[in-house]
Amino acid sequence: MSSIGERLRDERVRLGFSQGELGAAAGVTKNTQLLYESDKRSPKADYLSTLHSVGVNTHYVLTGSRSITSEVEPINSGAGLSPVKMYDIEAAAGAGRSFEGEPVQTTLYFSSAELADQGLDPAQVVGVKVRGDSMLGTLDDGDWVLVDRSNRDPKQEGVFLLLVSGERRIKRVQRLAGGALFLISDNDHYQPEMIKPQDMHDVEILGRCEIRIGRVV
């Protein structure tokens, strides 16, 4: 079986980071990253927690398994971390209203206290991978976004995950007089779409997009 350092290197290569880049993202030097990958030093919990936020599958790094089953205790549950299931918006094949039963691409762990500081209940948060360029500049193709499923009120405006005619989409939402919704793509190559009150039965707001996780370019 491979070592923690070897699996850490596997994840870094999979995500396209250099040792210096991944170390910087996690707040350590390139030399420290090298020591972790060569198994000359054991990574700390705060380092692993930070790696989750850039997409590293730390469950795999620690256990050698890329999936988490119901029989496995969530890692670091005693360290103030909360698991957030991450879904690929294109891979979702169900009715759309619930993510239960959908394939989980990975599970990331976030500081429970930091989520609370953002007004988020970890039990109501899911992660969704952004697909396409309609929200380019706000959310790019391949980004992850944390969605608060408890916030479905378009009166606040903002960016929401919606179910439109059975398809999950991410759009900026404005509520108009009379109850209509205006769905806006931040990429101006796409025209806004108005959902009239009589067509609202085809639309459901699934949650508000709150936190973006993406590459710095």
N, C-alpha and C. Protein backbone atom coordinates (compact mmCIF):
# COMPACT_ATOMS: atom_id res chain seq x y z
N MET A 1 0.85 -1.20 0.00
CA MET A 1 0.00 0.00 0.00
C MET A 1 0.88 1.25 0.00
N SER A 2 0.48 2.27 -0.74
CA SER A 2 1.26 3.49 -0.81
C SER A 2 1.24 4.23 0.52
N SER A 3 2.21 5.11 0.71
CA SER A 3 2.32 5.88 1.95
C SER A 3 1.51 7.17 1.86
N ILE A 4 1.36 7.86 3.00
CA ILE A 4 0.66 9.15 3.01
C ILE A 4 1.37 10.13 2.08
N GLY A 5 2.68 10.16 2.13
CA GLY A 5 3.43 11.08 1.28
C GLY A 5 3.21 10.80 -0.19
N GLU A 6 3.20 9.53 -0.56
CA GLU A 6 2.98 9.17 -1.96
C GLU A 6 1.58 9.56 -2.42
N ARG A 7 0.60 9.34 -1.55
CA ARG A 7 -0.77 9.71 -1.93
C ARG A 7 -0.95 11.22 -1.98
N LEU A 8 -0.26 11.94 -1.10
CA LEU A 8 -0.28 13.39 -1.15
C LEU A 8 0.30 13.89 -2.47
N ARG A 9 1.39 13.28 -2.90
CA ARG A 9 1.97 13.65 -4.19
C ARG A 9 1.02 13.32 -5.34
N ASP A 10 0.35 12.16 -5.24
CA ASP A 10 -0.63 11.80 -6.27
C ASP A 10 -1.70 12.87 -6.42
N GLU A 11 -2.22 13.35 -5.28
CA GLU A 11 -3.26 14.36 -5.32
C GLU A 11 -2.73 15.69 -5.88
N ARG A 12 -1.52 16.04 -5.51
CA ARG A 12 -0.94 17.29 -6.04
C ARG A 12 -0.81 17.22 -7.55
N VAL A 13 -0.31 16.10 -8.05
CA VAL A 13 -0.15 15.94 -9.50
C VAL A 13 -1.51 15.93 -10.19
N ARG A 14 -2.50 15.25 -9.58
CA ARG A 14 -3.84 15.20 -10.17
C ARG A 14 -4.43 16.59 -10.34
N LEU A 15 -4.17 17.47 -9.38
CA LEU A 15 -4.74 18.82 -9.41
C LEU A 15 -3.88 19.81 -10.20
N GLY A 16 -2.68 19.37 -10.61
CA GLY A 16 -1.84 20.22 -11.44
C GLY A 16 -1.03 21.25 -10.68
N PHE A 17 -0.77 21.03 -9.39
CA PHE A 17 0.04 21.94 -8.59
C PHE A 17 1.50 21.51 -8.61
N SER A 18 2.40 22.48 -8.54
CA SER A 18 3.80 22.19 -8.21
C SER A 18 3.91 22.08 -6.70
N GLN A 19 5.03 21.59 -6.19
CA GLN A 19 5.21 21.50 -4.74
C GLN A 19 5.14 22.89 -4.11
N GLY A 20 5.73 23.87 -4.76
CA GLY A 20 5.70 25.22 -4.23
C GLY A 20 4.30 25.80 -4.20
N GLU A 21 3.51 25.53 -5.26
CA GLU A 21 2.16 26.07 -5.35
C GLU A 21 1.25 25.46 -4.29
N LEU A 22 1.32 24.12 -4.13
CA LEU A 22 0.46 23.49 -3.15
C LEU A 22 0.88 23.88 -1.74
N GLY A 23 2.19 23.96 -1.51
CA GLY A 23 2.66 24.40 -0.20
C GLY A 23 2.18 25.80 0.14
N ALA A 24 2.27 26.70 -0.84
CA ALA A 24 1.83 28.08 -0.62
C ALA A 24 0.33 28.13 -0.33
N ALA A 25 -0.46 27.31 -1.06
CA ALA A 25 -1.91 27.29 -0.84
C ALA A 25 -2.24 26.82 0.57
N ALA A 26 -1.40 25.96 1.13
CA ALA A 26 -1.65 25.42 2.47
C ALA A 26 -0.87 26.16 3.56
N GLY A 27 -0.11 27.19 3.17
CA GLY A 27 0.62 27.99 4.16
C GLY A 27 1.91 27.39 4.64
N VAL A 28 2.55 26.51 3.83
CA VAL A 28 3.85 25.94 4.20
C VAL A 28 4.83 26.21 3.07
N THR A 29 6.10 26.02 3.35
CA THR A 29 7.13 26.24 2.35
C THR A 29 7.21 25.06 1.39
N LYS A 30 7.89 25.27 0.27
CA LYS A 30 8.12 24.18 -0.67
C LYS A 30 8.91 23.06 -0.02
N ASN A 31 9.88 23.42 0.84
CA ASN A 31 10.69 22.40 1.51
C ASN A 31 9.83 21.56 2.46
N THR A 32 8.89 22.20 3.17
CA THR A 32 7.99 21.44 4.05
C THR A 32 7.11 20.51 3.23
N GLN A 33 6.62 21.00 2.10
CA GLN A 33 5.82 20.15 1.22
C GLN A 33 6.63 18.94 0.76
N LEU A 34 7.89 19.16 0.44
CA LEU A 34 8.77 18.07 0.03
C LEU A 34 8.94 17.06 1.15
N LEU A 35 9.07 17.55 2.38
CA LEU A 35 9.24 16.64 3.52
C LEU A 35 7.97 15.80 3.73
N TYR A 36 6.79 16.42 3.55
CA TYR A 36 5.55 15.67 3.67
C TYR A 36 5.46 14.57 2.62
N GLU A 37 5.80 14.93 1.38
CA GLU A 37 5.66 13.97 0.27
C GLU A 37 6.70 12.85 0.34
N SER A 38 7.81 13.11 1.00
CA SER A 38 8.84 12.07 1.14
C SER A 38 8.71 11.30 2.44
N ASP A 39 7.62 11.56 3.18
CA ASP A 39 7.33 10.88 4.45
C ASP A 39 8.40 11.12 5.52
N LYS A 40 9.09 12.25 5.40
CA LYS A 40 10.06 12.61 6.42
C LYS A 40 9.45 13.46 7.52
N ARG A 41 8.22 13.91 7.29
CA ARG A 41 7.48 14.66 8.29
C ARG A 41 6.00 14.36 8.09
N SER A 42 5.24 14.26 9.17
CA SER A 42 3.81 13.97 9.07
C SER A 42 3.01 15.26 8.98
N PRO A 43 2.10 15.36 8.02
CA PRO A 43 1.29 16.58 7.89
C PRO A 43 0.36 16.76 9.08
N LYS A 44 0.13 18.03 9.45
CA LYS A 44 -0.72 18.35 10.59
C LYS A 44 -2.17 18.53 10.14
N ALA A 45 -3.07 18.52 11.12
CA ALA A 45 -4.50 18.60 10.82
C ALA A 45 -4.87 19.91 10.14
N ASP A 46 -4.28 21.04 10.59
CA ASP A 46 -4.65 22.32 9.99
C ASP A 46 -4.18 22.40 8.54
N TYR A 47 -3.03 21.79 8.24
CA TYR A 47 -2.53 21.72 6.88
C TYR A 47 -3.49 20.92 6.00
N LEU A 48 -3.92 19.75 6.48
CA LEU A 48 -4.83 18.90 5.72
C LEU A 48 -6.19 19.59 5.54
N SER A 49 -6.63 20.28 6.57
CA SER A 49 -7.91 21.00 6.47
C SER A 49 -7.86 22.05 5.37
N THR A 50 -6.74 22.77 5.28
CA THR A 50 -6.59 23.78 4.24
C THR A 50 -6.55 23.14 2.86
N LEU A 51 -5.92 21.98 2.75
CA LEU A 51 -5.85 21.30 1.46
C LEU A 51 -7.23 20.94 0.93
N HIS A 52 -8.16 20.63 1.85
CA HIS A 52 -9.52 20.31 1.41
C HIS A 52 -10.12 21.46 0.62
N SER A 53 -9.82 22.69 1.03
CA SER A 53 -10.43 23.85 0.39
C SER A 53 -9.92 24.08 -1.02
N VAL A 54 -8.81 23.44 -1.41
CA VAL A 54 -8.32 23.57 -2.79
C VAL A 54 -8.54 22.29 -3.58
N GLY A 55 -9.34 21.37 -3.04
CA GLY A 55 -9.74 20.21 -3.80
C GLY A 55 -8.99 18.92 -3.56
N VAL A 56 -8.04 18.90 -2.60
CA VAL A 56 -7.30 17.68 -2.30
C VAL A 56 -8.21 16.70 -1.56
N ASN A 57 -8.24 15.47 -2.01
CA ASN A 57 -9.03 14.43 -1.36
C ASN A 57 -8.21 13.91 -0.18
N THR A 58 -8.36 14.55 0.96
CA THR A 58 -7.54 14.19 2.11
C THR A 58 -7.99 12.88 2.74
N HIS A 59 -9.21 12.47 2.49
CA HIS A 59 -9.62 11.14 2.93
C HIS A 59 -8.75 10.08 2.24
N TYR A 60 -8.53 10.28 0.94
CA TYR A 60 -7.65 9.37 0.20
C TYR A 60 -6.22 9.46 0.72
N VAL A 61 -5.75 10.70 0.96
CA VAL A 61 -4.38 10.88 1.45
C VAL A 61 -4.16 10.11 2.75
N LEU A 62 -5.13 10.18 3.65
CA LEU A 62 -4.97 9.56 4.97
C LEU A 62 -5.24 8.06 4.97
N THR A 63 -6.18 7.60 4.14
CA THR A 63 -6.63 6.21 4.24
C THR A 63 -6.29 5.35 3.03
N GLY A 64 -6.03 5.97 1.90
CA GLY A 64 -5.81 5.21 0.68
C GLY A 64 -7.08 4.88 -0.06
N SER A 65 -8.24 5.28 0.48
CA SER A 65 -9.53 5.03 -0.15
C SER A 65 -10.09 6.35 -0.67
N ARG A 66 -10.61 6.34 -1.88
CA ARG A 66 -11.14 7.57 -2.48
C ARG A 66 -12.62 7.78 -2.18
N SER A 67 -13.24 6.87 -1.50
CA SER A 67 -14.66 7.02 -1.18
C SER A 67 -14.87 6.83 0.29
N ILE A 68 -15.96 7.41 0.80
CA ILE A 68 -16.34 7.30 2.20
C ILE A 68 -17.69 6.59 2.26
N THR A 69 -17.78 5.49 2.97
CA THR A 69 -19.04 4.77 3.10
C THR A 69 -19.66 5.10 4.45
N SER A 70 -20.89 4.69 4.62
CA SER A 70 -21.60 5.01 5.86
C SER A 70 -20.99 4.30 7.06
N GLU A 71 -20.19 3.23 6.81
CA GLU A 71 -19.58 2.51 7.93
C GLU A 71 -18.31 3.16 8.43
N VAL A 72 -17.83 4.17 7.69
CA VAL A 72 -16.57 4.82 8.05
C VAL A 72 -16.85 6.10 8.80
N GLU A 73 -16.21 6.27 9.94
CA GLU A 73 -16.37 7.51 10.68
C GLU A 73 -15.73 8.65 9.92
N PRO A 74 -16.38 9.81 9.82
CA PRO A 74 -15.78 10.95 9.14
C PRO A 74 -14.45 11.31 9.79
N ILE A 75 -13.42 11.52 8.96
CA ILE A 75 -12.10 11.84 9.50
C ILE A 75 -12.12 13.23 10.11
N ASN A 76 -11.30 13.39 11.13
CA ASN A 76 -11.12 14.68 11.79
C ASN A 76 -12.41 15.21 12.40
N SER A 77 -13.41 14.35 12.65
CA SER A 77 -14.67 14.84 13.20
C SER A 77 -14.49 15.46 14.58
N GLY A 78 -13.42 15.07 15.27
CA GLY A 78 -13.18 15.64 16.58
C GLY A 78 -12.32 16.89 16.55
N ALA A 79 -11.93 17.31 15.34
CA ALA A 79 -11.05 18.47 15.20
C ALA A 79 -11.82 19.71 14.78
N GLY A 80 -13.14 19.72 14.96
CA GLY A 80 -13.94 20.88 14.61
C GLY A 80 -14.18 21.02 13.13
N LEU A 81 -14.15 19.90 12.38
CA LEU A 81 -14.36 19.95 10.94
C LEU A 81 -15.70 19.31 10.58
N SER A 82 -16.31 19.84 9.53
CA SER A 82 -17.60 19.32 9.07
C SER A 82 -17.46 18.82 7.64
N PRO A 83 -18.00 17.63 7.34
CA PRO A 83 -17.92 17.11 5.98
C PRO A 83 -18.94 17.79 5.08
N VAL A 84 -18.52 18.11 3.87
CA VAL A 84 -19.42 18.67 2.86
C VAL A 84 -19.30 17.80 1.61
N LYS A 85 -20.41 17.22 1.18
CA LYS A 85 -20.39 16.37 -0.01
C LYS A 85 -20.34 17.25 -1.26
N MET A 86 -19.49 16.84 -2.20
CA MET A 86 -19.26 17.62 -3.41
C MET A 86 -19.80 16.83 -4.61
N TYR A 87 -20.65 17.50 -5.40
CA TYR A 87 -21.31 16.86 -6.53
C TYR A 87 -20.91 17.55 -7.83
N ASP A 88 -20.86 16.77 -8.90
CA ASP A 88 -20.67 17.32 -10.23
C ASP A 88 -22.05 17.64 -10.79
N ILE A 89 -22.30 18.90 -11.11
CA ILE A 89 -23.63 19.32 -11.53
C ILE A 89 -24.07 18.59 -12.79
N GLU A 90 -23.13 18.19 -13.66
CA GLU A 90 -23.48 17.48 -14.89
C GLU A 90 -23.72 16.00 -14.64
N ALA A 91 -23.08 15.45 -13.59
CA ALA A 91 -23.23 14.03 -13.31
C ALA A 91 -24.55 13.72 -12.65
N ALA A 92 -25.19 14.74 -12.06
CA ALA A 92 -26.46 14.52 -11.36
C ALA A 92 -27.51 14.04 -12.35
N ALA A 93 -28.16 12.94 -12.00
CA ALA A 93 -29.11 12.34 -12.93
C ALA A 93 -30.50 12.21 -12.35
N GLY A 94 -30.69 12.63 -11.10
CA GLY A 94 -31.97 12.45 -10.44
C GLY A 94 -32.96 13.55 -10.77
N ALA A 95 -34.02 13.62 -9.96
CA ALA A 95 -35.07 14.60 -10.20
C ALA A 95 -34.59 16.02 -9.96
N GLY A 96 -33.48 16.17 -9.23
CA GLY A 96 -32.89 17.49 -9.07
C GLY A 96 -33.20 18.16 -7.76
N ARG A 97 -34.34 17.86 -7.14
CA ARG A 97 -34.72 18.55 -5.92
C ARG A 97 -33.88 18.12 -4.73
N SER A 98 -33.40 16.91 -4.75
CA SER A 98 -32.58 16.40 -3.65
C SER A 98 -31.31 15.81 -4.22
N PHE A 99 -30.22 15.95 -3.46
CA PHE A 99 -28.96 15.36 -3.88
C PHE A 99 -28.79 13.94 -3.34
N GLU A 100 -29.72 13.50 -2.50
CA GLU A 100 -29.62 12.17 -1.95
C GLU A 100 -29.65 11.13 -3.06
N GLY A 101 -28.71 10.21 -3.02
CA GLY A 101 -28.64 9.17 -4.03
C GLY A 101 -27.81 9.54 -5.24
N GLU A 102 -27.42 10.83 -5.36
CA GLU A 102 -26.56 11.25 -6.46
C GLU A 102 -25.11 10.82 -6.18
N PRO A 103 -24.31 10.59 -7.21
CA PRO A 103 -22.91 10.22 -6.99
C PRO A 103 -22.11 11.36 -6.38
N VAL A 104 -21.41 11.07 -5.30
CA VAL A 104 -20.57 12.06 -4.63
C VAL A 104 -19.17 11.98 -5.24
N GLN A 105 -18.70 13.10 -5.81
CA GLN A 105 -17.38 13.08 -6.43
C GLN A 105 -16.28 13.04 -5.37
N THR A 106 -16.47 13.79 -4.30
CA THR A 106 -15.53 13.76 -3.19
C THR A 106 -16.20 14.39 -1.98
N THR A 107 -15.59 14.27 -0.84
CA THR A 107 -16.06 14.92 0.38
C THR A 107 -14.95 15.80 0.91
N LEU A 108 -15.23 17.08 1.09
CA LEU A 108 -14.26 18.01 1.65
C LEU A 108 -14.65 18.34 3.08
N TYR A 109 -13.66 18.68 3.89
CA TYR A 109 -13.89 19.01 5.30
C TYR A 109 -13.54 20.47 5.54
N PHE A 110 -14.45 21.18 6.18
CA PHE A 110 -14.28 22.60 6.45
C PHE A 110 -14.43 22.86 7.95
N SER A 111 -13.79 23.91 8.40
CA SER A 111 -13.90 24.30 9.79
C SER A 111 -15.35 24.64 10.11
N SER A 112 -15.91 23.94 11.10
CA SER A 112 -17.29 24.20 11.49
C SER A 112 -17.47 25.64 11.97
N ALA A 113 -16.47 26.14 12.70
CA ALA A 113 -16.56 27.51 13.22
C ALA A 113 -16.54 28.53 12.09
N GLU A 114 -15.71 28.28 11.06
CA GLU A 114 -15.63 29.24 9.96
C GLU A 114 -16.91 29.22 9.12
N LEU A 115 -17.49 28.04 8.94
CA LEU A 115 -18.77 27.99 8.25
C LEU A 115 -19.84 28.75 9.04
N ALA A 116 -19.83 28.58 10.36
CA ALA A 116 -20.79 29.29 11.20
C ALA A 116 -20.58 30.80 11.12
N ASP A 117 -19.32 31.22 11.06
CA ASP A 117 -19.03 32.65 10.93
C ASP A 117 -19.60 33.23 9.63
N GLN A 118 -19.74 32.37 8.61
CA GLN A 118 -20.32 32.81 7.34
C GLN A 118 -21.84 32.65 7.34
N GLY A 119 -22.40 32.27 8.51
CA GLY A 119 -23.84 32.10 8.61
C GLY A 119 -24.35 30.82 7.98
N LEU A 120 -23.46 29.81 7.85
CA LEU A 120 -23.82 28.57 7.18
C LEU A 120 -23.94 27.43 8.18
N ASP A 121 -24.99 26.65 8.04
CA ASP A 121 -25.18 25.42 8.80
C ASP A 121 -24.58 24.28 7.98
N PRO A 122 -23.50 23.62 8.46
CA PRO A 122 -22.86 22.57 7.66
C PRO A 122 -23.83 21.51 7.17
N ALA A 123 -24.87 21.23 7.93
CA ALA A 123 -25.84 20.20 7.53
C ALA A 123 -26.64 20.63 6.30
N GLN A 124 -26.64 21.93 5.99
CA GLN A 124 -27.42 22.45 4.86
C GLN A 124 -26.54 22.82 3.66
N VAL A 125 -25.25 22.51 3.75
CA VAL A 125 -24.32 22.93 2.70
C VAL A 125 -23.93 21.73 1.83
N VAL A 126 -23.98 21.93 0.52
CA VAL A 126 -23.42 20.97 -0.43
C VAL A 126 -22.48 21.73 -1.36
N GLY A 127 -21.56 21.00 -1.94
CA GLY A 127 -20.67 21.58 -2.94
C GLY A 127 -21.07 21.13 -4.33
N VAL A 128 -20.99 22.03 -5.30
CA VAL A 128 -21.35 21.72 -6.68
C VAL A 128 -20.23 22.19 -7.59
N LYS A 129 -19.84 21.34 -8.54
CA LYS A 129 -18.83 21.73 -9.53
C LYS A 129 -19.52 22.51 -10.65
N VAL A 130 -18.96 23.68 -10.95
CA VAL A 130 -19.51 24.55 -11.98
C VAL A 130 -19.14 24.00 -13.35
N ARG A 131 -20.10 24.00 -14.25
CA ARG A 131 -19.87 23.56 -15.63
C ARG A 131 -20.29 24.66 -16.60
N GLY A 132 -19.48 24.88 -17.61
CA GLY A 132 -19.81 25.89 -18.62
C GLY A 132 -19.27 27.26 -18.27
N ASP A 133 -19.51 28.22 -19.17
CA ASP A 133 -18.93 29.56 -19.02
C ASP A 133 -19.99 30.64 -18.85
N SER A 134 -21.22 30.27 -18.53
CA SER A 134 -22.28 31.28 -18.46
C SER A 134 -22.08 32.25 -17.29
N MET A 135 -21.34 31.81 -16.25
CA MET A 135 -21.09 32.70 -15.11
C MET A 135 -19.63 33.14 -15.06
N LEU A 136 -18.99 33.13 -16.22
CA LEU A 136 -17.56 33.44 -16.33
C LEU A 136 -17.24 34.78 -15.66
N GLY A 137 -16.19 34.75 -14.85
CA GLY A 137 -15.78 35.94 -14.10
C GLY A 137 -16.25 35.89 -12.66
N THR A 138 -17.39 35.25 -12.43
CA THR A 138 -17.90 35.03 -11.08
C THR A 138 -17.63 33.59 -10.65
N LEU A 139 -18.02 32.65 -11.51
CA LEU A 139 -17.77 31.23 -11.31
C LEU A 139 -17.32 30.66 -12.64
N ASP A 140 -16.10 30.14 -12.67
CA ASP A 140 -15.55 29.63 -13.92
C ASP A 140 -15.75 28.13 -14.03
N ASP A 141 -15.69 27.64 -15.25
CA ASP A 141 -15.83 26.21 -15.50
C ASP A 141 -14.81 25.43 -14.68
N GLY A 142 -15.28 24.45 -13.91
CA GLY A 142 -14.39 23.64 -13.08
C GLY A 142 -14.27 24.12 -11.65
N ASP A 143 -14.76 25.33 -11.34
CA ASP A 143 -14.77 25.80 -9.96
C ASP A 143 -15.73 24.95 -9.13
N TRP A 144 -15.51 24.98 -7.83
CA TRP A 144 -16.48 24.43 -6.89
C TRP A 144 -17.17 25.60 -6.22
N VAL A 145 -18.44 25.42 -5.87
CA VAL A 145 -19.15 26.45 -5.12
C VAL A 145 -19.94 25.77 -4.02
N LEU A 146 -19.89 26.36 -2.82
CA LEU A 146 -20.68 25.84 -1.70
C LEU A 146 -22.06 26.49 -1.73
N VAL A 147 -23.07 25.64 -1.67
CA VAL A 147 -24.47 26.09 -1.81
C VAL A 147 -25.19 25.90 -0.48
N ASP A 148 -25.81 26.97 0.00
CA ASP A 148 -26.62 26.93 1.23
C ASP A 148 -28.04 26.55 0.85
N ARG A 149 -28.42 25.29 1.10
CA ARG A 149 -29.74 24.82 0.72
C ARG A 149 -30.85 25.41 1.58
N SER A 150 -30.50 26.02 2.71
CA SER A 150 -31.52 26.62 3.57
C SER A 150 -31.93 28.01 3.10
N ASN A 151 -31.19 28.59 2.16
CA ASN A 151 -31.48 29.95 1.68
C ASN A 151 -31.98 29.86 0.25
N ARG A 152 -33.29 29.97 0.10
CA ARG A 152 -33.90 29.86 -1.22
C ARG A 152 -34.75 31.09 -1.56
N ASP A 153 -34.46 32.19 -0.89
CA ASP A 153 -35.28 33.39 -1.03
C ASP A 153 -34.66 34.34 -2.06
N PRO A 154 -35.26 34.48 -3.24
CA PRO A 154 -34.69 35.34 -4.28
C PRO A 154 -34.81 36.83 -3.97
N LYS A 155 -35.53 37.20 -2.90
CA LYS A 155 -35.62 38.61 -2.55
C LYS A 155 -34.26 39.19 -2.21
N GLN A 156 -33.34 38.34 -1.72
CA GLN A 156 -32.00 38.81 -1.38
C GLN A 156 -31.17 39.09 -2.63
N GLU A 157 -31.58 38.55 -3.75
CA GLU A 157 -30.81 38.54 -4.99
C GLU A 157 -29.50 37.78 -4.74
N GLY A 158 -28.67 37.68 -5.74
CA GLY A 158 -27.44 36.91 -5.63
C GLY A 158 -27.43 35.77 -6.63
N VAL A 159 -26.47 34.86 -6.46
CA VAL A 159 -26.30 33.72 -7.36
C VAL A 159 -26.89 32.48 -6.71
N PHE A 160 -27.74 31.77 -7.45
CA PHE A 160 -28.47 30.63 -6.91
C PHE A 160 -28.29 29.40 -7.79
N LEU A 161 -28.39 28.24 -7.14
CA LEU A 161 -28.53 26.98 -7.85
C LEU A 161 -30.02 26.73 -8.03
N LEU A 162 -30.43 26.52 -9.28
CA LEU A 162 -31.84 26.37 -9.58
C LEU A 162 -32.09 25.06 -10.33
N LEU A 163 -33.33 24.64 -10.27
CA LEU A 163 -33.81 23.56 -11.10
C LEU A 163 -34.77 24.18 -12.10
N VAL A 164 -34.38 24.17 -13.39
CA VAL A 164 -35.19 24.79 -14.44
C VAL A 164 -35.55 23.71 -15.45
N SER A 165 -36.83 23.37 -15.49
CA SER A 165 -37.32 22.32 -16.40
C SER A 165 -36.52 21.03 -16.24
N GLY A 166 -36.22 20.68 -14.98
CA GLY A 166 -35.53 19.43 -14.68
C GLY A 166 -34.02 19.49 -14.79
N GLU A 167 -33.45 20.66 -15.12
CA GLU A 167 -32.00 20.80 -15.28
C GLU A 167 -31.45 21.73 -14.21
N ARG A 168 -30.38 21.30 -13.54
CA ARG A 168 -29.73 22.17 -12.56
C ARG A 168 -28.90 23.22 -13.28
N ARG A 169 -29.09 24.47 -12.85
CA ARG A 169 -28.36 25.59 -13.45
C ARG A 169 -27.95 26.56 -12.36
N ILE A 170 -26.88 27.30 -12.59
CA ILE A 170 -26.43 28.35 -11.67
C ILE A 170 -26.59 29.69 -12.37
N LYS A 171 -27.38 30.57 -11.77
CA LYS A 171 -27.66 31.87 -12.37
C LYS A 171 -27.78 32.94 -11.29
N ARG A 172 -27.55 34.17 -11.70
CA ARG A 172 -27.85 35.31 -10.82
C ARG A 172 -29.34 35.57 -10.93
N VAL A 173 -30.00 35.70 -9.79
CA VAL A 173 -31.46 35.79 -9.78
C VAL A 173 -31.91 37.14 -9.24
N GLN A 174 -32.83 37.76 -9.96
CA GLN A 174 -33.51 38.96 -9.48
C GLN A 174 -35.01 38.71 -9.51
N ARG A 175 -35.67 39.14 -8.45
CA ARG A 175 -37.13 39.00 -8.39
C ARG A 175 -37.74 40.29 -8.92
N LEU A 176 -38.66 40.16 -9.84
CA LEU A 176 -39.30 41.31 -10.46
C LEU A 176 -40.70 41.53 -9.89
N ALA A 177 -41.22 42.71 -10.11
CA ALA A 177 -42.58 43.02 -9.67
C ALA A 177 -43.56 42.05 -10.32
N GLY A 178 -44.50 41.58 -9.54
CA GLY A 178 -45.48 40.66 -10.06
C GLY A 178 -45.12 39.20 -9.87
N GLY A 179 -43.89 38.95 -9.33
CA GLY A 179 -43.50 37.58 -9.02
C GLY A 179 -42.65 36.90 -10.07
N ALA A 180 -42.32 37.58 -11.15
CA ALA A 180 -41.47 36.98 -12.17
C ALA A 180 -40.02 36.94 -11.67
N LEU A 181 -39.22 36.06 -12.26
CA LEU A 181 -37.80 35.97 -11.95
C LEU A 181 -36.99 36.31 -13.19
N PHE A 182 -35.88 37.01 -12.96
CA PHE A 182 -34.94 37.35 -14.03
C PHE A 182 -33.68 36.54 -13.77
N LEU A 183 -33.32 35.63 -14.69
CA LEU A 183 -32.14 34.79 -14.56
C LEU A 183 -31.03 35.38 -15.42
N ILE A 184 -29.92 35.75 -14.78
CA ILE A 184 -28.87 36.48 -15.46
C ILE A 184 -27.59 35.66 -15.48
N SER A 185 -26.96 35.58 -16.65
CA SER A 185 -25.63 35.00 -16.79
C SER A 185 -24.61 36.13 -16.70
N ASP A 186 -23.59 35.99 -15.86
CA ASP A 186 -22.61 37.07 -15.71
C ASP A 186 -21.72 37.20 -16.94
N ASN A 187 -21.68 36.18 -17.78
CA ASN A 187 -21.02 36.26 -19.08
C ASN A 187 -21.99 36.94 -20.04
N ASP A 188 -21.64 38.15 -20.53
CA ASP A 188 -22.60 38.92 -21.33
C ASP A 188 -22.83 38.35 -22.73
N HIS A 189 -22.17 37.22 -23.04
CA HIS A 189 -22.46 36.54 -24.30
C HIS A 189 -23.81 35.81 -24.23
N TYR A 190 -24.34 35.67 -23.02
CA TYR A 190 -25.61 34.98 -22.82
C TYR A 190 -26.69 36.00 -22.45
N GLN A 191 -27.84 35.87 -23.06
CA GLN A 191 -28.94 36.79 -22.80
C GLN A 191 -29.67 36.42 -21.51
N PRO A 192 -30.12 37.41 -20.75
CA PRO A 192 -30.94 37.12 -19.56
C PRO A 192 -32.22 36.39 -19.94
N GLU A 193 -32.78 35.70 -18.99
CA GLU A 193 -34.00 34.93 -19.23
C GLU A 193 -35.04 35.31 -18.18
N MET A 194 -36.21 35.61 -18.64
CA MET A 194 -37.29 35.94 -17.71
C MET A 194 -38.21 34.73 -17.53
N ILE A 195 -38.48 34.42 -16.26
CA ILE A 195 -39.44 33.37 -15.94
C ILE A 195 -40.72 34.05 -15.48
N LYS A 196 -41.77 33.93 -16.29
CA LYS A 196 -43.03 34.58 -15.96
C LYS A 196 -43.73 33.84 -14.82
N PRO A 197 -44.59 34.54 -14.08
CA PRO A 197 -45.29 33.90 -12.95
C PRO A 197 -46.01 32.62 -13.34
N GLN A 198 -46.60 32.59 -14.52
CA GLN A 198 -47.34 31.40 -14.93
C GLN A 198 -46.43 30.22 -15.27
N ASP A 199 -45.11 30.50 -15.39
CA ASP A 199 -44.16 29.42 -15.70
C ASP A 199 -43.33 29.00 -14.48
N MET A 200 -43.66 29.55 -13.31
CA MET A 200 -42.86 29.28 -12.12
C MET A 200 -42.92 27.82 -11.68
N HIS A 201 -43.91 27.07 -12.15
CA HIS A 201 -43.98 25.65 -11.78
C HIS A 201 -42.82 24.85 -12.35
N ASP A 202 -42.13 25.42 -13.35
CA ASP A 202 -40.98 24.74 -13.96
C ASP A 202 -39.66 25.11 -13.29
N VAL A 203 -39.72 25.98 -12.26
CA VAL A 203 -38.50 26.49 -11.64
C VAL A 203 -38.55 26.25 -10.14
N GLU A 204 -37.43 25.81 -9.59
CA GLU A 204 -37.29 25.69 -8.14
C GLU A 204 -35.90 26.17 -7.75
N ILE A 205 -35.84 27.05 -6.76
CA ILE A 205 -34.55 27.49 -6.23
C ILE A 205 -34.08 26.46 -5.21
N LEU A 206 -32.88 25.91 -5.45
CA LEU A 206 -32.35 24.84 -4.60
C LEU A 206 -31.43 25.36 -3.50
N GLY A 207 -30.91 26.58 -3.66
CA GLY A 207 -30.02 27.13 -2.64
C GLY A 207 -29.21 28.29 -3.19
N ARG A 208 -28.65 29.06 -2.27
CA ARG A 208 -27.86 30.24 -2.65
C ARG A 208 -26.39 29.88 -2.66
N CYS A 209 -25.69 30.26 -3.72
CA CYS A 209 -24.26 30.01 -3.85
C CYS A 209 -23.50 31.00 -2.96
N GLU A 210 -22.71 30.48 -2.04
CA GLU A 210 -22.11 31.34 -1.02
C GLU A 210 -20.59 31.45 -1.11
N ILE A 211 -19.89 30.34 -1.37
CA ILE A 211 -18.43 30.37 -1.31
C ILE A 211 -17.87 29.69 -2.55
N ARG A 212 -16.99 30.38 -3.24
CA ARG A 212 -16.34 29.83 -4.43
C ARG A 212 -15.00 29.22 -4.07
N ILE A 213 -14.70 28.06 -4.66
CA ILE A 213 -13.39 27.42 -4.53
C ILE A 213 -12.85 27.22 -5.94
N GLY A 214 -11.78 27.91 -6.28
CA GLY A 214 -11.25 27.79 -7.63
C GLY A 214 -9.78 28.12 -7.69
N ARG A 215 -9.20 27.88 -8.85
CA ARG A 215 -7.78 28.16 -9.07
C ARG A 215 -7.52 29.65 -9.20
N VAL A 216 -6.40 30.08 -8.70
CA VAL A 216 -5.94 31.45 -8.87
C VAL A 216 -5.10 31.49 -10.14
N VAL A 217 -5.47 32.36 -11.08
CA VAL A 217 -4.74 32.44 -12.36
C VAL A 217 -4.27 33.87 -12.58
